[in-house]
Amino acid sequence: MGAANIAWRPSTVAALLGTMTYEMSQPSTALPVPKRFARLVWTLTLLLCAIGLIVAVRRAYVLFSPPEHPRFAAAAALDAGFTAHRSLTLLHILPAALFIVLMPLQFVSRIRTRYLAWHRCSGRLLIALGFVVGTTALAMSYTTPIGGANEIAAMTLFATLFLFFLTMGFWNIRQRRIARHREWMIRAFGVALGIATTRPIVAVFFAAGRMMPHEFFGIAFWLGFTLTLLGAETWIHYSGSPS
């Protein structure tokens, strides 16, 4: 338990993310991307999108139909914070669900080239949805945390990064810097998928049974969001700008 908390305390992960700052400021270098690797990236991305949608649907269902059976008491206790702030939770999860449905389509070259007007309209909608998701995530960091200060720190950092990435994506497209716009939006999408990545990690902690939820939720959030952001950064530098 102690080793895990030391390894994934906020300062450690912040230092890891700090090493990415210089790389983000440099133009990406396109490398040949094997088709198998591209398919793997898309498969993982769509899988995470599916997990995110399931999480959103489950959360909305529980908000309106909370389980009453005694065997669900533990889960109900974890959901108490969300139930107490139902409007805020819905304002977060409904736009987030639409965001993760639409966002992958922005990176499909056939859609982008054949339906450019739709791509641009969808992009504007995604920016608006993203700012709603990011600001409500910041608010929820302090109203619905399960993992205490560790989770609050993770959510505050990554929600702030998400909003920053969206802002940079919007600013670059306004400047007609298409390649840079793509890179910043991939980073934003990587952060958005972090919430889906935390779910399998949380499941592993539950299965291990060695820590209580308030002890491991913060660790799971640091791990999940960091992994997807690093994955996004890797893909940016691996794939370069689309032709």
C-alpha atoms as a PDB file:
ATOM      1  CA  MET A   1       0.000   0.000   0.000  1.00  0.00           C
ATOM      2  CA  GLY A   2       2.704   2.470   0.975  1.00  0.00           C
ATOM      3  CA  ALA A   3       4.759   1.765  -2.143  1.00  0.00           C
ATOM      4  CA  ALA A   4       1.783   2.394  -4.375  1.00  0.00           C
ATOM      5  CA  ASN A   5       0.987   5.700  -2.722  1.00  0.00           C
ATOM      6  CA  ILE A   6       4.590   6.840  -2.984  1.00  0.00           C
ATOM      7  CA  ALA A   7       4.925   5.801  -6.611  1.00  0.00           C
ATOM      8  CA  TRP A   8       1.784   7.576  -7.731  1.00  0.00           C
ATOM      9  CA  ARG A   9       1.608  10.624  -5.497  1.00  0.00           C
ATOM     10  CA  PRO A  10       0.750  13.861  -7.365  1.00  0.00           C
ATOM     11  CA  SER A  11       4.297  15.239  -7.412  1.00  0.00           C
ATOM     12  CA  THR A  12       5.645  12.076  -9.027  1.00  0.00           C
ATOM     13  CA  VAL A  13       3.100  11.978 -11.815  1.00  0.00           C
ATOM     14  CA  ALA A  14       3.296  15.747 -12.294  1.00  0.00           C
ATOM     15  CA  ALA A  15       7.036  15.341 -12.838  1.00  0.00           C
ATOM     16  CA  LEU A  16       6.346  12.597 -15.389  1.00  0.00           C
ATOM     17  CA  LEU A  17       3.884  14.826 -17.208  1.00  0.00           C
ATOM     18  CA  GLY A  18       6.392  17.659 -17.040  1.00  0.00           C
ATOM     19  CA  THR A  19       8.792  15.704 -19.231  1.00  0.00           C
ATOM     20  CA  MET A  20       6.160  15.893 -21.986  1.00  0.00           C
ATOM     21  CA  THR A  21       6.095  19.720 -22.033  1.00  0.00           C
ATOM     22  CA  TYR A  22       9.117  20.129 -24.279  1.00  0.00           C
ATOM     23  CA  GLU A  23       7.870  17.418 -26.636  1.00  0.00           C
ATOM     24  CA  MET A  24       4.485  19.134 -26.946  1.00  0.00           C
ATOM     25  CA  SER A  25       6.176  22.338 -28.089  1.00  0.00           C
ATOM     26  CA  GLN A  26       8.005  20.594 -30.925  1.00  0.00           C
ATOM     27  CA  PRO A  27       6.545  19.683 -34.334  1.00  0.00           C
ATOM     28  CA  SER A  28       5.716  16.013 -34.566  1.00  0.00           C
ATOM     29  CA  THR A  29       7.814  13.808 -36.809  1.00  0.00           C
ATOM     30  CA  ALA A  30       5.844  11.476 -39.053  1.00  0.00           C
ATOM     31  CA  LEU A  31       6.967   7.877 -39.041  1.00  0.00           C
ATOM     32  CA  PRO A  32       5.614   4.961 -41.081  1.00  0.00           C
ATOM     33  CA  VAL A  33       2.729   3.519 -39.094  1.00  0.00           C
ATOM     34  CA  PRO A  34       2.179  -0.222 -39.591  1.00  0.00           C
ATOM     35  CA  LYS A  35      -1.425  -1.068 -40.389  1.00  0.00           C
ATOM     36  CA  ARG A  36      -1.557  -3.554 -37.524  1.00  0.00           C
ATOM     37  CA  PHE A  37      -0.469  -0.871 -35.084  1.00  0.00           C
ATOM     38  CA  ALA A  38      -3.023   1.589 -36.467  1.00  0.00           C
ATOM     39  CA  ARG A  39      -5.760  -1.034 -36.135  1.00  0.00           C
ATOM     40  CA  LEU A  40      -4.668  -1.739 -32.572  1.00  0.00           C
ATOM     41  CA  VAL A  41      -4.838   1.949 -31.685  1.00  0.00           C
ATOM     42  CA  TRP A  42      -8.317   2.235 -33.188  1.00  0.00           C
ATOM     43  CA  THR A  43      -9.475  -0.930 -31.447  1.00  0.00           C
ATOM     44  CA  LEU A  44      -8.268   0.300 -28.056  1.00  0.00           C
ATOM     45  CA  THR A  45      -9.758   3.727 -28.683  1.00  0.00           C
ATOM     46  CA  LEU A  46     -13.177   2.344 -29.585  1.00  0.00           C
ATOM     47  CA  LEU A  47     -13.024  -0.041 -26.631  1.00  0.00           C
ATOM     48  CA  LEU A  48     -12.366   2.861 -24.275  1.00  0.00           C
ATOM     49  CA  CYS A  49     -15.182   4.821 -25.915  1.00  0.00           C
ATOM     50  CA  ALA A  50     -17.511   1.882 -25.296  1.00  0.00           C
ATOM     51  CA  ILE A  51     -16.433   1.688 -21.650  1.00  0.00           C
ATOM     52  CA  GLY A  52     -16.986   5.425 -21.282  1.00  0.00           C
ATOM     53  CA  LEU A  53     -20.485   5.145 -22.737  1.00  0.00           C
ATOM     54  CA  ILE A  54     -21.338   2.240 -20.441  1.00  0.00           C
ATOM     55  CA  VAL A  55     -20.102   4.239 -17.450  1.00  0.00           C
ATOM     56  CA  ALA A  56     -22.237   7.229 -18.475  1.00  0.00           C
ATOM     57  CA  VAL A  57     -25.368   5.137 -19.073  1.00  0.00           C
ATOM     58  CA  ARG A  58     -24.894   3.277 -15.811  1.00  0.00           C
ATOM     59  CA  ARG A  59     -24.384   6.525 -13.908  1.00  0.00           C
ATOM     60  CA  ALA A  60     -27.522   8.101 -15.403  1.00  0.00           C
ATOM     61  CA  TYR A  61     -29.567   4.975 -14.663  1.00  0.00           C
ATOM     62  CA  VAL A  62     -28.449   4.868 -11.033  1.00  0.00           C
ATOM     63  CA  LEU A  63     -29.248   8.553 -10.591  1.00  0.00           C
ATOM     64  CA  PHE A  64     -32.863   7.985 -11.583  1.00  0.00           C
ATOM     65  CA  SER A  65     -33.281   4.408 -10.285  1.00  0.00           C
ATOM     66  CA  PRO A  66     -30.963   3.889  -7.304  1.00  0.00           C
ATOM     67  CA  PRO A  67     -30.660   0.204  -6.280  1.00  0.00           C
ATOM     68  CA  GLU A  68     -32.481  -0.624  -3.069  1.00  0.00           C
ATOM     69  CA  HIS A  69     -31.389  -4.219  -2.521  1.00  0.00           C
ATOM     70  CA  PRO A  70     -29.070  -4.608   0.522  1.00  0.00           C
ATOM     71  CA  ARG A  71     -26.391  -6.342  -1.539  1.00  0.00           C
ATOM     72  CA  PHE A  72     -25.892  -3.086  -3.486  1.00  0.00           C
ATOM     73  CA  ALA A  73     -25.364  -1.045  -0.335  1.00  0.00           C
ATOM     74  CA  ALA A  74     -21.608  -0.730  -0.886  1.00  0.00           C
ATOM     75  CA  ALA A  75     -22.070   0.522  -4.437  1.00  0.00           C
ATOM     76  CA  ALA A  76     -24.788   2.925  -3.297  1.00  0.00           C
ATOM     77  CA  ALA A  77     -22.374   4.388  -0.755  1.00  0.00           C
ATOM     78  CA  LEU A  78     -19.858   5.089  -3.534  1.00  0.00           C
ATOM     79  CA  ASP A  79     -22.605   6.738  -5.608  1.00  0.00           C
ATOM     80  CA  ALA A  80     -23.809   8.956  -2.747  1.00  0.00           C
ATOM     81  CA  GLY A  81     -21.796  11.982  -3.843  1.00  0.00           C
ATOM     82  CA  PHE A  82     -23.169  11.802  -7.385  1.00  0.00           C
ATOM     83  CA  THR A  83     -26.732  11.375  -6.121  1.00  0.00           C
ATOM     84  CA  ALA A  84     -26.351  14.402  -3.873  1.00  0.00           C
ATOM     85  CA  HIS A  85     -25.312  16.496  -6.889  1.00  0.00           C
ATOM     86  CA  ARG A  86     -27.582  14.985  -9.531  1.00  0.00           C
ATOM     87  CA  SER A  87     -27.884  18.062 -11.772  1.00  0.00           C
ATOM     88  CA  LEU A  88     -24.120  18.628 -11.835  1.00  0.00           C
ATOM     89  CA  THR A  89     -23.501  14.953 -12.551  1.00  0.00           C
ATOM     90  CA  LEU A  90     -25.977  14.913 -15.451  1.00  0.00           C
ATOM     91  CA  LEU A  91     -24.521  18.136 -16.828  1.00  0.00           C
ATOM     92  CA  HIS A  92     -21.184  16.333 -16.900  1.00  0.00           C
ATOM     93  CA  ILE A  93     -22.013  12.825 -18.116  1.00  0.00           C
ATOM     94  CA  LEU A  94     -24.518  13.646 -20.882  1.00  0.00           C
ATOM     95  CA  PRO A  95     -22.204  16.014 -22.809  1.00  0.00           C
ATOM     96  CA  ALA A  96     -19.316  13.649 -22.075  1.00  0.00           C
ATOM     97  CA  ALA A  97     -21.203  10.740 -23.647  1.00  0.00           C
ATOM     98  CA  LEU A  98     -21.878  12.754 -26.805  1.00  0.00           C
ATOM     99  CA  PHE A  99     -18.265  13.940 -26.836  1.00  0.00           C
ATOM    100  CA  ILE A 100     -16.796  10.434 -26.890  1.00  0.00           C
ATOM    101  CA  VAL A 101     -19.291   9.350 -29.578  1.00  0.00           C
ATOM    102  CA  LEU A 102     -18.467  12.205 -31.940  1.00  0.00           C
ATOM    103  CA  MET A 103     -14.760  12.659 -31.275  1.00  0.00           C
ATOM    104  CA  PRO A 104     -13.467   9.487 -33.003  1.00  0.00           C
ATOM    105  CA  LEU A 105     -15.273  10.521 -36.206  1.00  0.00           C
ATOM    106  CA  GLN A 106     -13.160  13.673 -36.364  1.00  0.00           C
ATOM    107  CA  PHE A 107     -10.079  11.525 -37.007  1.00  0.00           C
ATOM    108  CA  VAL A 108     -11.595   9.434 -39.825  1.00  0.00           C
ATOM    109  CA  SER A 109      -9.965  10.817 -42.961  1.00  0.00           C
ATOM    110  CA  ARG A 110     -12.791   9.726 -45.292  1.00  0.00           C
ATOM    111  CA  ILE A 111     -15.365  11.621 -43.249  1.00  0.00           C
ATOM    112  CA  ARG A 112     -13.097  14.625 -42.919  1.00  0.00           C
ATOM    113  CA  THR A 113     -12.434  14.896 -46.667  1.00  0.00           C
ATOM    114  CA  ARG A 114     -15.866  13.965 -48.015  1.00  0.00           C
ATOM    115  CA  TYR A 115     -17.956  15.827 -45.444  1.00  0.00           C
ATOM    116  CA  LEU A 116     -15.821  18.811 -44.533  1.00  0.00           C
ATOM    117  CA  ALA A 117     -18.804  20.993 -43.565  1.00  0.00           C
ATOM    118  CA  TRP A 118     -20.025  18.304 -41.169  1.00  0.00           C
ATOM    119  CA  HIS A 119     -16.497  17.919 -39.789  1.00  0.00           C
ATOM    120  CA  ARG A 120     -16.292  21.627 -39.034  1.00  0.00           C
ATOM    121  CA  CYS A 121     -19.768  21.797 -37.519  1.00  0.00           C
ATOM    122  CA  SER A 122     -19.088  18.738 -35.384  1.00  0.00           C
ATOM    123  CA  GLY A 123     -15.766  20.234 -34.340  1.00  0.00           C
ATOM    124  CA  ARG A 124     -17.437  23.411 -33.080  1.00  0.00           C
ATOM    125  CA  LEU A 125     -19.949  21.324 -31.156  1.00  0.00           C
ATOM    126  CA  LEU A 126     -17.159  19.227 -29.661  1.00  0.00           C
ATOM    127  CA  ILE A 127     -15.315  22.320 -28.439  1.00  0.00           C
ATOM    128  CA  ALA A 128     -18.488  23.539 -26.722  1.00  0.00           C
ATOM    129  CA  LEU A 129     -19.214  20.108 -25.248  1.00  0.00           C
ATOM    130  CA  GLY A 130     -15.611  19.808 -24.112  1.00  0.00           C
ATOM    131  CA  PHE A 131     -15.716  23.046 -22.162  1.00  0.00           C
ATOM    132  CA  VAL A 132     -18.897  21.929 -20.412  1.00  0.00           C
ATOM    133  CA  VAL A 133     -17.325  18.558 -19.598  1.00  0.00           C
ATOM    134  CA  GLY A 134     -14.089  20.139 -18.365  1.00  0.00           C
ATOM    135  CA  THR A 135     -15.662  22.791 -16.171  1.00  0.00           C
ATOM    136  CA  THR A 136     -18.144  20.365 -14.625  1.00  0.00           C
ATOM    137  CA  ALA A 137     -15.291  17.897 -14.035  1.00  0.00           C
ATOM    138  CA  LEU A 138     -13.481  20.606 -12.077  1.00  0.00           C
ATOM    139  CA  ALA A 139     -16.587  21.221  -9.996  1.00  0.00           C
ATOM    140  CA  MET A 140     -17.137  17.506  -9.411  1.00  0.00           C
ATOM    141  CA  SER A 141     -13.541  17.125  -8.272  1.00  0.00           C
ATOM    142  CA  TYR A 142     -14.525  18.867  -5.057  1.00  0.00           C
ATOM    143  CA  THR A 143     -18.102  17.628  -4.655  1.00  0.00           C
ATOM    144  CA  THR A 144     -18.047  13.920  -5.560  1.00  0.00           C
ATOM    145  CA  PRO A 145     -14.556  12.531  -4.818  1.00  0.00           C
ATOM    146  CA  ILE A 146     -14.273   8.985  -3.552  1.00  0.00           C
ATOM    147  CA  GLY A 147     -10.489   8.882  -3.270  1.00  0.00           C
ATOM    148  CA  GLY A 148     -10.046  11.998  -1.153  1.00  0.00           C
ATOM    149  CA  ALA A 149      -7.271  14.526  -1.743  1.00  0.00           C
ATOM    150  CA  ASN A 150      -5.375  12.213  -4.090  1.00  0.00           C
ATOM    151  CA  GLU A 151      -8.336  11.945  -6.460  1.00  0.00           C
ATOM    152  CA  ILE A 152      -9.089  15.671  -6.161  1.00  0.00           C
ATOM    153  CA  ALA A 153      -5.514  16.486  -7.183  1.00  0.00           C
ATOM    154  CA  ALA A 154      -5.681  14.138 -10.184  1.00  0.00           C
ATOM    155  CA  MET A 155      -9.061  15.399 -11.358  1.00  0.00           C
ATOM    156  CA  THR A 156      -8.074  19.049 -10.943  1.00  0.00           C
ATOM    157  CA  LEU A 157      -4.859  18.599 -12.915  1.00  0.00           C
ATOM    158  CA  PHE A 158      -6.323  16.586 -15.778  1.00  0.00           C
ATOM    159  CA  ALA A 159      -9.497  18.672 -16.066  1.00  0.00           C
ATOM    160  CA  THR A 160      -7.300  21.757 -16.301  1.00  0.00           C
ATOM    161  CA  LEU A 161      -5.104  20.084 -18.925  1.00  0.00           C
ATOM    162  CA  PHE A 162      -8.198  19.046 -20.860  1.00  0.00           C
ATOM    163  CA  LEU A 163      -9.475  22.631 -20.965  1.00  0.00           C
ATOM    164  CA  PHE A 164      -6.022  23.893 -21.940  1.00  0.00           C
ATOM    165  CA  PHE A 165      -5.715  21.353 -24.766  1.00  0.00           C
ATOM    166  CA  LEU A 166      -9.171  22.297 -26.071  1.00  0.00           C
ATOM    167  CA  THR A 167      -8.265  25.978 -25.975  1.00  0.00           C
ATOM    168  CA  MET A 168      -5.052  25.345 -27.886  1.00  0.00           C
ATOM    169  CA  GLY A 169      -6.902  23.187 -30.403  1.00  0.00           C
ATOM    170  CA  PHE A 170      -9.473  25.909 -30.986  1.00  0.00           C
ATOM    171  CA  TRP A 171      -6.848  28.658 -31.213  1.00  0.00           C
ATOM    172  CA  ASN A 172      -4.751  26.715 -33.715  1.00  0.00           C
ATOM    173  CA  ILE A 173      -7.666  25.956 -36.014  1.00  0.00           C
ATOM    174  CA  ARG A 174      -8.601  29.642 -35.955  1.00  0.00           C
ATOM    175  CA  GLN A 175      -5.040  30.326 -37.076  1.00  0.00           C
ATOM    176  CA  ARG A 176      -5.403  27.694 -39.843  1.00  0.00           C
ATOM    177  CA  ARG A 177      -2.705  25.553 -38.263  1.00  0.00           C
ATOM    178  CA  ILE A 178      -4.346  22.248 -39.110  1.00  0.00           C
ATOM    179  CA  ALA A 179      -1.536  19.937 -38.004  1.00  0.00           C
ATOM    180  CA  ARG A 180      -1.134  21.635 -34.627  1.00  0.00           C
ATOM    181  CA  HIS A 181      -4.905  21.691 -34.172  1.00  0.00           C
ATOM    182  CA  ARG A 182      -4.991  17.930 -34.731  1.00  0.00           C
ATOM    183  CA  GLU A 183      -2.241  17.351 -32.167  1.00  0.00           C
ATOM    184  CA  TRP A 184      -3.940  19.376 -29.428  1.00  0.00           C
ATOM    185  CA  MET A 185      -7.290  17.705 -30.058  1.00  0.00           C
ATOM    186  CA  ILE A 186      -5.688  14.260 -29.835  1.00  0.00           C
ATOM    187  CA  ARG A 187      -4.283  15.273 -26.457  1.00  0.00           C
ATOM    188  CA  ALA A 188      -7.710  16.466 -25.320  1.00  0.00           C
ATOM    189  CA  PHE A 189      -9.258  13.201 -26.499  1.00  0.00           C
ATOM    190  CA  GLY A 190      -6.565  11.269 -24.663  1.00  0.00           C
ATOM    191  CA  VAL A 191      -7.483  12.999 -21.415  1.00  0.00           C
ATOM    192  CA  ALA A 192     -11.194  12.438 -22.040  1.00  0.00           C
ATOM    193  CA  LEU A 193     -10.596   8.694 -22.437  1.00  0.00           C
ATOM    194  CA  GLY A 194      -8.741   8.619 -19.132  1.00  0.00           C
ATOM    195  CA  ILE A 195     -11.971   8.198 -17.183  1.00  0.00           C
ATOM    196  CA  ALA A 196     -12.665   4.996 -19.136  1.00  0.00           C
ATOM    197  CA  THR A 197      -9.134   3.722 -18.515  1.00  0.00           C
ATOM    198  CA  THR A 198      -9.569   4.112 -14.763  1.00  0.00           C
ATOM    199  CA  ARG A 199     -12.436   1.586 -14.745  1.00  0.00           C
ATOM    200  CA  PRO A 200     -10.388  -1.560 -15.477  1.00  0.00           C
ATOM    201  CA  ILE A 201      -7.755  -0.306 -13.022  1.00  0.00           C
ATOM    202  CA  VAL A 202     -10.401   0.175 -10.339  1.00  0.00           C
ATOM    203  CA  ALA A 203     -11.694  -3.329 -11.106  1.00  0.00           C
ATOM    204  CA  VAL A 204      -8.204  -4.753 -10.522  1.00  0.00           C
ATOM    205  CA  PHE A 205      -7.995  -2.997  -7.153  1.00  0.00           C
ATOM    206  CA  PHE A 206     -11.428  -4.303  -6.190  1.00  0.00           C
ATOM    207  CA  ALA A 207     -10.443  -7.835  -7.222  1.00  0.00           C
ATOM    208  CA  ALA A 208      -7.193  -7.648  -5.234  1.00  0.00           C
ATOM    209  CA  GLY A 209      -9.151  -6.673  -2.136  1.00  0.00           C
ATOM    210  CA  ARG A 210      -6.131  -5.244  -0.335  1.00  0.00           C
ATOM    211  CA  MET A 211      -7.165  -1.602  -0.268  1.00  0.00           C
ATOM    212  CA  MET A 212     -10.365   0.303   0.404  1.00  0.00           C
ATOM    213  CA  PRO A 213     -11.946   2.427  -2.358  1.00  0.00           C
ATOM    214  CA  HIS A 214     -10.972   5.688  -0.687  1.00  0.00           C
ATOM    215  CA  GLU A 215      -7.364   4.465  -0.742  1.00  0.00           C
ATOM    216  CA  PHE A 216      -7.080   3.314  -4.348  1.00  0.00           C
ATOM    217  CA  PHE A 217      -9.433   5.572  -6.325  1.00  0.00           C
ATOM    218  CA  GLY A 218      -6.893   8.385  -6.397  1.00  0.00           C
ATOM    219  CA  ILE A 219      -4.152   6.016  -7.555  1.00  0.00           C
ATOM    220  CA  ALA A 220      -6.449   4.615 -10.264  1.00  0.00           C
ATOM    221  CA  PHE A 221      -7.179   8.118 -11.538  1.00  0.00           C
ATOM    222  CA  TRP A 222      -3.498   9.049 -11.732  1.00  0.00           C
ATOM    223  CA  LEU A 223      -2.720   5.831 -13.573  1.00  0.00           C
ATOM    224  CA  GLY A 224      -5.680   5.938 -15.957  1.00  0.00           C
ATOM    225  CA  PHE A 225      -5.362   9.533 -17.093  1.00  0.00           C
ATOM    226  CA  THR A 226      -1.577   9.399 -17.318  1.00  0.00           C
ATOM    227  CA  LEU A 227      -1.645   6.255 -19.476  1.00  0.00           C
ATOM    228  CA  THR A 228      -4.108   7.647 -22.005  1.00  0.00           C
ATOM    229  CA  LEU A 229      -2.347  11.012 -22.202  1.00  0.00           C
ATOM    230  CA  LEU A 230       1.005   9.314 -22.769  1.00  0.00           C
ATOM    231  CA  GLY A 231      -0.681   7.105 -25.364  1.00  0.00           C
ATOM    232  CA  ALA A 232      -2.046  10.163 -27.151  1.00  0.00           C
ATOM    233  CA  GLU A 233       1.347  11.837 -27.130  1.00  0.00           C
ATOM    234  CA  THR A 234       2.972   8.686 -28.486  1.00  0.00           C
ATOM    235  CA  TRP A 235       0.442   8.477 -31.314  1.00  0.00           C
ATOM    236  CA  ILE A 236       1.000  12.142 -32.230  1.00  0.00           C
ATOM    237  CA  HIS A 237       4.722  11.641 -32.653  1.00  0.00           C
ATOM    238  CA  TYR A 238       4.336   8.230 -34.262  1.00  0.00           C
ATOM    239  CA  SER A 239       1.788   9.217 -36.873  1.00  0.00           C
ATOM    240  CA  GLY A 240       2.671  12.826 -37.602  1.00  0.00           C
ATOM    241  CA  SER A 241       0.281  14.951 -39.632  1.00  0.00           C
ATOM    242  CA  PRO A 242      -2.210  13.293 -41.946  1.00  0.00           C
ATOM    243  CA  SER A 243      -1.591  13.664 -45.623  1.00  0.00           C
END
